[in-house]
Structure formats: C-alpha cells, structure tokens
N, C-alpha and C. Protein backbone atom coordinates (compact mmCIF):
# COMPACT_ATOMS: atom_id res chain seq x y z
N MET A 1 0.82 -1.19 -0.03
CA MET A 1 0.00 -0.02 0.07
C MET A 1 0.76 1.26 0.11
N VAL A 2 1.13 1.64 -1.21
CA VAL A 2 1.93 2.97 -1.20
C VAL A 2 1.09 3.98 -1.12
N GLY A 3 1.66 5.18 -0.02
CA GLY A 3 0.83 6.43 -0.08
C GLY A 3 -0.34 6.26 0.65
N GLN A 4 -0.77 5.34 1.34
CA GLN A 4 -1.98 4.93 1.93
C GLN A 4 -1.51 4.36 3.51
N ILE A 5 -2.18 4.62 4.62
CA ILE A 5 -2.00 4.21 5.83
C ILE A 5 -3.19 3.24 6.20
N GLU A 6 -2.87 2.01 6.50
CA GLU A 6 -4.01 1.14 6.62
C GLU A 6 -4.25 1.10 8.40
N ILE A 7 -5.21 1.56 8.67
CA ILE A 7 -5.68 1.36 10.05
C ILE A 7 -5.94 0.00 10.63
N LEU A 8 -5.49 -0.35 11.42
CA LEU A 8 -5.28 -1.84 12.03
C LEU A 8 -6.75 -1.89 12.68
N THR A 9 -7.24 -3.31 12.64
CA THR A 9 -8.64 -3.71 13.27
C THR A 9 -8.47 -4.62 14.27
N ARG A 10 -9.30 -4.29 15.23
CA ARG A 10 -9.30 -5.12 16.34
C ARG A 10 -9.80 -6.62 16.06
N GLY A 11 -8.88 -7.43 16.29
CA GLY A 11 -9.31 -8.86 15.94
C GLY A 11 -8.72 -9.30 14.60
N GLY A 12 -8.03 -8.38 13.83
CA GLY A 12 -7.45 -8.48 12.59
C GLY A 12 -6.12 -9.54 13.12
N VAL A 13 -5.94 -10.13 11.95
CA VAL A 13 -4.57 -11.01 12.11
C VAL A 13 -3.72 -10.35 10.92
N TYR A 14 -2.58 -9.97 11.48
CA TYR A 14 -1.30 -9.52 10.66
C TYR A 14 -0.08 -10.33 10.81
N LEU A 15 1.05 -10.24 10.15
CA LEU A 15 2.33 -10.62 10.26
C LEU A 15 2.98 -9.69 11.24
N GLY A 16 3.53 -10.25 12.29
CA GLY A 16 4.28 -9.34 13.16
C GLY A 16 5.71 -10.00 13.19
N LYS A 17 6.56 -8.94 13.32
CA LYS A 17 8.16 -9.23 13.30
C LYS A 17 8.45 -9.33 14.76
N LEU A 18 8.51 -10.45 15.52
CA LEU A 18 8.80 -10.54 16.85
C LEU A 18 10.24 -10.85 17.24
N ASN A 19 10.99 -10.90 16.21
CA ASN A 19 12.45 -10.77 16.79
C ASN A 19 13.04 -9.40 17.18
N PRO A 20 13.94 -9.47 17.86
CA PRO A 20 14.63 -10.52 18.58
C PRO A 20 13.81 -11.15 19.68
N ALA A 21 13.92 -12.28 19.90
CA ALA A 21 13.14 -12.74 21.21
C ALA A 21 14.28 -13.17 22.17
N LYS A 22 13.73 -13.09 23.37
CA LYS A 22 14.79 -13.27 24.65
C LYS A 22 14.04 -14.70 25.51
N HIS A 23 15.06 -15.50 25.62
CA HIS A 23 14.87 -16.59 26.25
C HIS A 23 13.62 -17.34 25.75
N ALA A 24 12.58 -17.58 26.77
CA ALA A 24 11.35 -18.35 26.27
C ALA A 24 10.44 -17.57 25.63
N GLU A 25 10.78 -16.42 25.20
CA GLU A 25 9.81 -15.63 24.21
C GLU A 25 9.56 -16.34 23.03
N ILE A 26 8.53 -15.94 22.33
CA ILE A 26 8.16 -16.49 21.12
C ILE A 26 8.69 -15.40 20.00
N GLY A 27 9.60 -15.92 18.99
CA GLY A 27 10.16 -14.92 18.06
C GLY A 27 9.69 -15.04 16.68
N LYS A 28 10.11 -14.74 15.74
CA LYS A 28 10.28 -14.73 14.29
C LYS A 28 8.94 -14.27 13.81
N VAL A 29 8.86 -14.13 12.45
CA VAL A 29 7.74 -13.17 11.62
C VAL A 29 6.84 -14.34 11.80
N ARG A 30 5.58 -13.92 12.35
CA ARG A 30 4.33 -14.85 12.45
C ARG A 30 3.15 -14.06 12.71
N PRO A 31 2.05 -14.84 12.49
CA PRO A 31 0.64 -14.01 12.37
C PRO A 31 0.50 -13.68 13.96
N VAL A 32 -0.21 -12.49 14.07
CA VAL A 32 -0.33 -12.16 15.51
C VAL A 32 -1.87 -11.48 15.32
N ILE A 33 -2.56 -11.47 16.39
CA ILE A 33 -3.99 -10.84 16.51
C ILE A 33 -3.74 -9.65 17.22
N ILE A 34 -4.53 -8.43 16.71
CA ILE A 34 -4.44 -7.26 17.43
C ILE A 34 -5.60 -7.38 18.56
N LEU A 35 -5.11 -7.03 19.65
CA LEU A 35 -6.40 -6.87 20.89
C LEU A 35 -6.71 -5.62 21.33
N ASN A 36 -5.86 -4.63 20.92
CA ASN A 36 -6.45 -3.37 21.33
C ASN A 36 -7.83 -3.03 20.90
N SER A 37 -8.67 -2.04 21.86
CA SER A 37 -9.77 -1.62 21.23
C SER A 37 -9.86 -0.89 19.94
N GLN A 38 -10.74 -0.81 19.35
CA GLN A 38 -10.81 -0.04 17.92
C GLN A 38 -10.68 1.48 18.06
N LEU A 39 -11.16 2.05 19.36
CA LEU A 39 -11.22 3.40 19.61
C LEU A 39 -9.50 3.75 19.79
N ILE A 40 -8.65 2.84 20.43
CA ILE A 40 -7.36 3.01 20.43
C ILE A 40 -6.54 2.75 19.03
N LEU A 41 -6.95 1.87 18.66
CA LEU A 41 -6.26 1.62 17.22
C LEU A 41 -6.58 2.87 16.35
N ASP A 42 -7.80 3.39 16.22
CA ASP A 42 -7.93 4.48 15.31
C ASP A 42 -7.31 5.65 15.51
N SER A 43 -6.36 5.93 16.65
CA SER A 43 -5.70 7.03 16.89
C SER A 43 -4.24 6.58 16.64
N ALA A 44 -4.09 5.51 16.03
CA ALA A 44 -2.62 5.04 15.66
C ALA A 44 -1.56 5.21 16.64
N PRO A 45 -1.81 4.51 17.44
CA PRO A 45 -0.97 4.41 18.62
C PRO A 45 0.65 3.88 18.16
N PRO A 46 1.56 4.14 18.99
CA PRO A 46 2.94 3.88 18.75
C PRO A 46 3.15 2.41 19.22
N VAL A 47 2.39 1.86 19.95
CA VAL A 47 2.63 0.60 20.79
C VAL A 47 1.10 -0.29 20.59
N ILE A 48 1.21 -1.47 20.19
CA ILE A 48 -0.14 -2.29 20.32
C ILE A 48 0.02 -3.41 21.09
N PHE A 49 -1.15 -4.01 21.50
CA PHE A 49 -1.11 -5.22 22.25
C PHE A 49 -1.62 -6.48 21.34
N ILE A 50 -0.78 -7.29 21.19
CA ILE A 50 -0.82 -8.41 20.23
C ILE A 50 -0.99 -9.83 20.97
N CYS A 51 -1.48 -10.88 20.45
CA CYS A 51 -1.30 -12.37 20.69
C CYS A 51 -1.02 -12.88 19.46
N PRO A 52 0.50 -13.74 19.77
CA PRO A 52 0.87 -14.41 18.59
C PRO A 52 0.12 -15.69 18.26
N LEU A 53 0.32 -16.23 17.00
CA LEU A 53 -0.35 -17.56 16.54
C LEU A 53 0.86 -18.42 16.23
N SER A 54 0.72 -19.64 16.34
CA SER A 54 1.34 -20.79 16.15
C SER A 54 0.64 -21.83 15.61
N SER A 55 1.43 -22.44 14.63
CA SER A 55 0.76 -23.74 14.10
C SER A 55 0.62 -25.10 15.04
N GLN A 56 1.43 -24.84 16.06
CA GLN A 56 1.62 -25.79 16.91
C GLN A 56 0.91 -25.36 18.48
N SER A 57 0.63 -26.61 19.36
CA SER A 57 0.24 -26.10 20.67
C SER A 57 0.70 -27.39 21.41
N GLN A 58 1.13 -27.00 22.58
CA GLN A 58 1.58 -27.96 23.80
C GLN A 58 0.30 -28.41 24.60
N LYS A 59 0.39 -29.77 24.97
CA LYS A 59 -0.78 -29.97 25.77
C LYS A 59 -0.93 -29.58 27.04
N GLU A 60 0.31 -29.14 27.40
CA GLU A 60 0.00 -28.38 29.06
C GLU A 60 -0.58 -27.21 29.09
N PHE A 61 -0.51 -26.47 27.95
CA PHE A 61 -1.36 -25.22 27.63
C PHE A 61 -2.74 -25.31 27.20
N SER A 62 -3.35 -26.40 26.99
CA SER A 62 -4.82 -26.64 25.99
C SER A 62 -5.67 -25.76 26.70
N ASN A 63 -5.55 -25.14 28.12
CA ASN A 63 -6.65 -24.60 28.64
C ASN A 63 -6.40 -23.05 28.53
N LEU A 64 -5.35 -22.72 27.97
CA LEU A 64 -5.02 -21.25 27.66
C LEU A 64 -5.10 -21.12 26.09
N HIS A 65 -4.51 -21.99 25.18
CA HIS A 65 -4.32 -21.88 23.96
C HIS A 65 -5.88 -21.91 23.16
N TYR A 66 -6.02 -21.23 22.15
CA TYR A 66 -7.31 -21.19 21.27
C TYR A 66 -6.90 -21.53 20.11
N GLU A 67 -7.69 -22.57 19.49
CA GLU A 67 -7.74 -23.29 18.13
C GLU A 67 -8.48 -22.06 17.31
N LEU A 68 -7.67 -21.95 16.02
CA LEU A 68 -8.37 -21.00 14.96
C LEU A 68 -8.31 -21.86 13.73
N ASN A 69 -9.41 -21.96 12.92
CA ASN A 69 -9.19 -22.59 11.69
C ASN A 69 -8.76 -21.63 10.62
N PRO A 70 -8.33 -22.34 9.58
CA PRO A 70 -7.88 -21.60 8.46
C PRO A 70 -8.75 -20.48 7.75
N ARG A 71 -8.55 -19.29 7.51
CA ARG A 71 -9.35 -18.39 6.56
C ARG A 71 -8.61 -17.63 6.00
N ASP A 72 -9.09 -16.57 5.08
CA ASP A 72 -8.57 -15.65 4.20
C ASP A 72 -7.12 -16.31 3.91
N LYS A 73 -6.07 -15.59 4.40
CA LYS A 73 -4.68 -15.78 3.87
C LYS A 73 -4.03 -16.65 5.11
N LEU A 74 -4.72 -16.90 6.11
CA LEU A 74 -4.35 -17.50 7.04
C LEU A 74 -4.43 -19.29 6.74
N ARG A 75 -3.33 -19.90 6.22
CA ARG A 75 -3.77 -21.18 5.72
C ARG A 75 -3.73 -22.22 6.39
N VAL A 76 -3.30 -22.22 7.46
CA VAL A 76 -3.10 -23.63 8.41
C VAL A 76 -4.05 -23.19 9.66
N LYS A 77 -4.38 -24.39 10.03
CA LYS A 77 -4.90 -24.25 11.77
C LYS A 77 -3.91 -23.82 12.58
N SER A 78 -4.34 -22.81 13.32
CA SER A 78 -3.46 -21.90 14.30
C SER A 78 -3.94 -21.86 15.71
N TYR A 79 -3.09 -21.55 16.49
CA TYR A 79 -3.41 -21.61 18.02
C TYR A 79 -3.19 -20.22 18.38
N ALA A 80 -3.84 -19.34 18.95
CA ALA A 80 -3.55 -18.20 19.78
C ALA A 80 -2.84 -18.74 21.27
N LEU A 81 -1.62 -18.17 21.11
CA LEU A 81 -0.82 -18.35 22.34
C LEU A 81 -1.02 -17.47 23.22
N ILE A 82 -1.92 -17.12 24.16
CA ILE A 82 -2.49 -16.37 25.11
C ILE A 82 -1.36 -16.04 26.44
N GLU A 83 -0.18 -17.20 26.63
CA GLU A 83 0.62 -16.89 27.65
C GLU A 83 1.87 -15.87 26.84
N HIS A 84 1.90 -15.78 25.60
CA HIS A 84 2.65 -15.06 25.00
C HIS A 84 2.02 -13.41 24.44
N CYS A 85 1.15 -13.08 25.13
CA CYS A 85 0.51 -11.71 24.47
C CYS A 85 1.40 -10.79 25.17
N ARG A 86 1.46 -9.81 24.21
CA ARG A 86 2.50 -8.63 24.69
C ARG A 86 2.28 -7.37 23.84
N SER A 87 2.88 -6.28 24.31
CA SER A 87 2.96 -5.06 23.48
C SER A 87 3.99 -5.05 22.74
N ILE A 88 3.88 -4.68 21.38
CA ILE A 88 4.93 -4.36 20.33
C ILE A 88 4.62 -3.09 19.58
N SER A 89 5.99 -2.43 19.11
CA SER A 89 5.92 -1.31 18.25
C SER A 89 4.92 -1.69 17.06
N LEU A 90 4.29 -0.48 16.61
CA LEU A 90 3.43 -0.62 15.35
C LEU A 90 4.29 -0.87 14.14
N ASN A 91 5.47 -0.61 14.38
CA ASN A 91 6.50 -0.60 13.14
C ASN A 91 6.76 -2.14 12.98
N ARG A 92 6.49 -3.11 13.92
CA ARG A 92 6.65 -4.53 13.76
C ARG A 92 5.66 -5.05 12.66
N ILE A 93 4.63 -4.62 12.70
CA ILE A 93 3.49 -4.93 11.95
C ILE A 93 3.64 -4.95 10.29
N VAL A 94 3.25 -5.97 9.69
CA VAL A 94 3.46 -6.20 8.20
C VAL A 94 1.94 -6.08 7.88
N TYR A 95 1.70 -5.17 6.77
CA TYR A 95 0.66 -5.08 5.97
C TYR A 95 0.46 -5.57 4.82
N PRO A 96 -0.63 -6.04 4.20
CA PRO A 96 -1.94 -5.66 4.73
C PRO A 96 -2.46 -7.12 5.74
N ARG A 97 -3.69 -6.81 6.26
CA ARG A 97 -4.21 -7.88 6.99
C ARG A 97 -4.38 -9.11 6.13
N ILE A 98 -4.13 -10.19 6.98
CA ILE A 98 -4.23 -11.72 6.25
C ILE A 98 -5.34 -12.35 6.99
N GLY A 99 -6.17 -11.58 7.80
CA GLY A 99 -7.18 -12.61 8.37
C GLY A 99 -8.21 -11.58 9.38
N GLN A 100 -9.26 -12.31 9.81
CA GLN A 100 -10.01 -11.44 10.69
C GLN A 100 -10.82 -12.41 11.48
N LEU A 101 -10.90 -12.18 12.96
CA LEU A 101 -11.59 -13.09 13.96
C LEU A 101 -12.77 -12.67 13.87
N SER A 102 -13.94 -13.53 14.17
CA SER A 102 -14.94 -13.24 14.44
C SER A 102 -15.06 -12.76 16.06
N LYS A 103 -16.22 -11.81 16.36
CA LYS A 103 -16.47 -11.51 17.70
C LYS A 103 -16.37 -12.58 18.72
N SER A 104 -17.04 -13.85 18.47
CA SER A 104 -16.83 -14.67 19.51
C SER A 104 -15.43 -15.43 19.72
N GLU A 105 -14.68 -15.45 18.51
CA GLU A 105 -13.28 -16.07 18.77
C GLU A 105 -12.54 -14.86 19.65
N LEU A 106 -12.65 -13.68 19.19
CA LEU A 106 -11.82 -12.55 19.90
C LEU A 106 -12.45 -12.70 21.33
N ASP A 107 -13.64 -12.76 21.72
CA ASP A 107 -14.10 -13.01 23.05
C ASP A 107 -13.49 -14.05 24.06
N ASN A 108 -13.36 -15.37 22.92
CA ASN A 108 -12.86 -16.58 23.67
C ASN A 108 -11.49 -16.00 24.11
N ILE A 109 -10.83 -15.47 23.09
CA ILE A 109 -9.11 -15.17 23.56
C ILE A 109 -9.15 -14.08 24.70
N LEU A 110 -10.03 -13.08 24.65
CA LEU A 110 -9.94 -12.20 25.78
C LEU A 110 -10.19 -12.91 27.23
N ASN A 111 -11.05 -13.70 27.16
CA ASN A 111 -11.45 -14.48 28.43
C ASN A 111 -10.46 -15.49 28.79
N ARG A 112 -9.57 -16.00 27.87
CA ARG A 112 -8.55 -16.82 28.31
C ARG A 112 -7.41 -16.00 28.72
N LEU A 113 -7.13 -14.72 28.29
CA LEU A 113 -6.13 -13.85 28.83
C LEU A 113 -6.68 -13.41 30.22
N GLN A 114 -7.91 -12.84 30.39
CA GLN A 114 -8.34 -12.72 31.86
C GLN A 114 -8.14 -13.81 32.61
N ARG A 115 -8.39 -15.16 32.37
CA ARG A 115 -7.86 -16.25 33.09
C ARG A 115 -6.57 -16.40 33.37
N LEU A 116 -5.61 -15.91 32.57
CA LEU A 116 -4.11 -16.10 32.71
C LEU A 116 -3.68 -14.93 33.84
N VAL A 117 -4.55 -13.88 34.02
CA VAL A 117 -3.82 -12.92 34.74
C VAL A 117 -4.87 -12.67 36.30
N GLY A 118 -5.65 -13.81 36.27
CA GLY A 118 -6.38 -14.05 37.31
C GLY A 118 -7.72 -13.02 37.76
N LEU A 119 -8.17 -12.61 36.49
CA LEU A 119 -9.60 -11.72 36.76
C LEU A 119 -10.64 -12.69 36.60
C-alpha cells in the first residue's frame, strides 16, 4: 500500500516481526492478533497489544491456547498463544491484514487472557 496508511482492526490477523526474542519468548515473523480496542487503534498508537499465533500447541497449555481454523490468507490451523500476549511497536506489523477473527473468537481469547492474569 504505497501512499496509504492502513488502520489496524481489532481482531485482525497481521504478520508481526517478533525478533529479537529473549529466552522463552516467542519470536520470528508470525501471524499475530490485534487485541487493542478499535477506539485506541483509530488513533494510530505507537505501541499495540497482540497475541501471537503458532501452528503448534502444547498439551500443558490446552486450557489457555485457542484453536483457529484457516481463513482468508491464514492457511493452516493456528493456535492463539495467550501466555505470549505482549505489546509491540506498530513498526513491527506487516501489512496488509491476512485474516479477521469473529467477535466470538476474539471474546474467547480475551476470556483466556483474563484467566491468565486472574480476573
């Protein structure tokens, strides 16, 4: 998109550049879900809150990971890795959007995030 700025979408799936990773952090370029409210995203914040996706899940995290079926340009079954949610610079996002979660899927991920932090 030359000359245009794409506004991020809550629940949108984009590629995120997560390197360099430290120790047990998840890294590399991978799909991420944008978790910020749309009101915040509309103001083009310099930092956004994301949930990384992976094509693999571990059994011990089955109560936290959320399975997503392929859609749009997200071509493989993926898992939202709730324990790896974090803030990243807006500059780490690769456009364009490659997928969009439904409200129900996003709600399930946010509920698991609340469980993780004890709410």
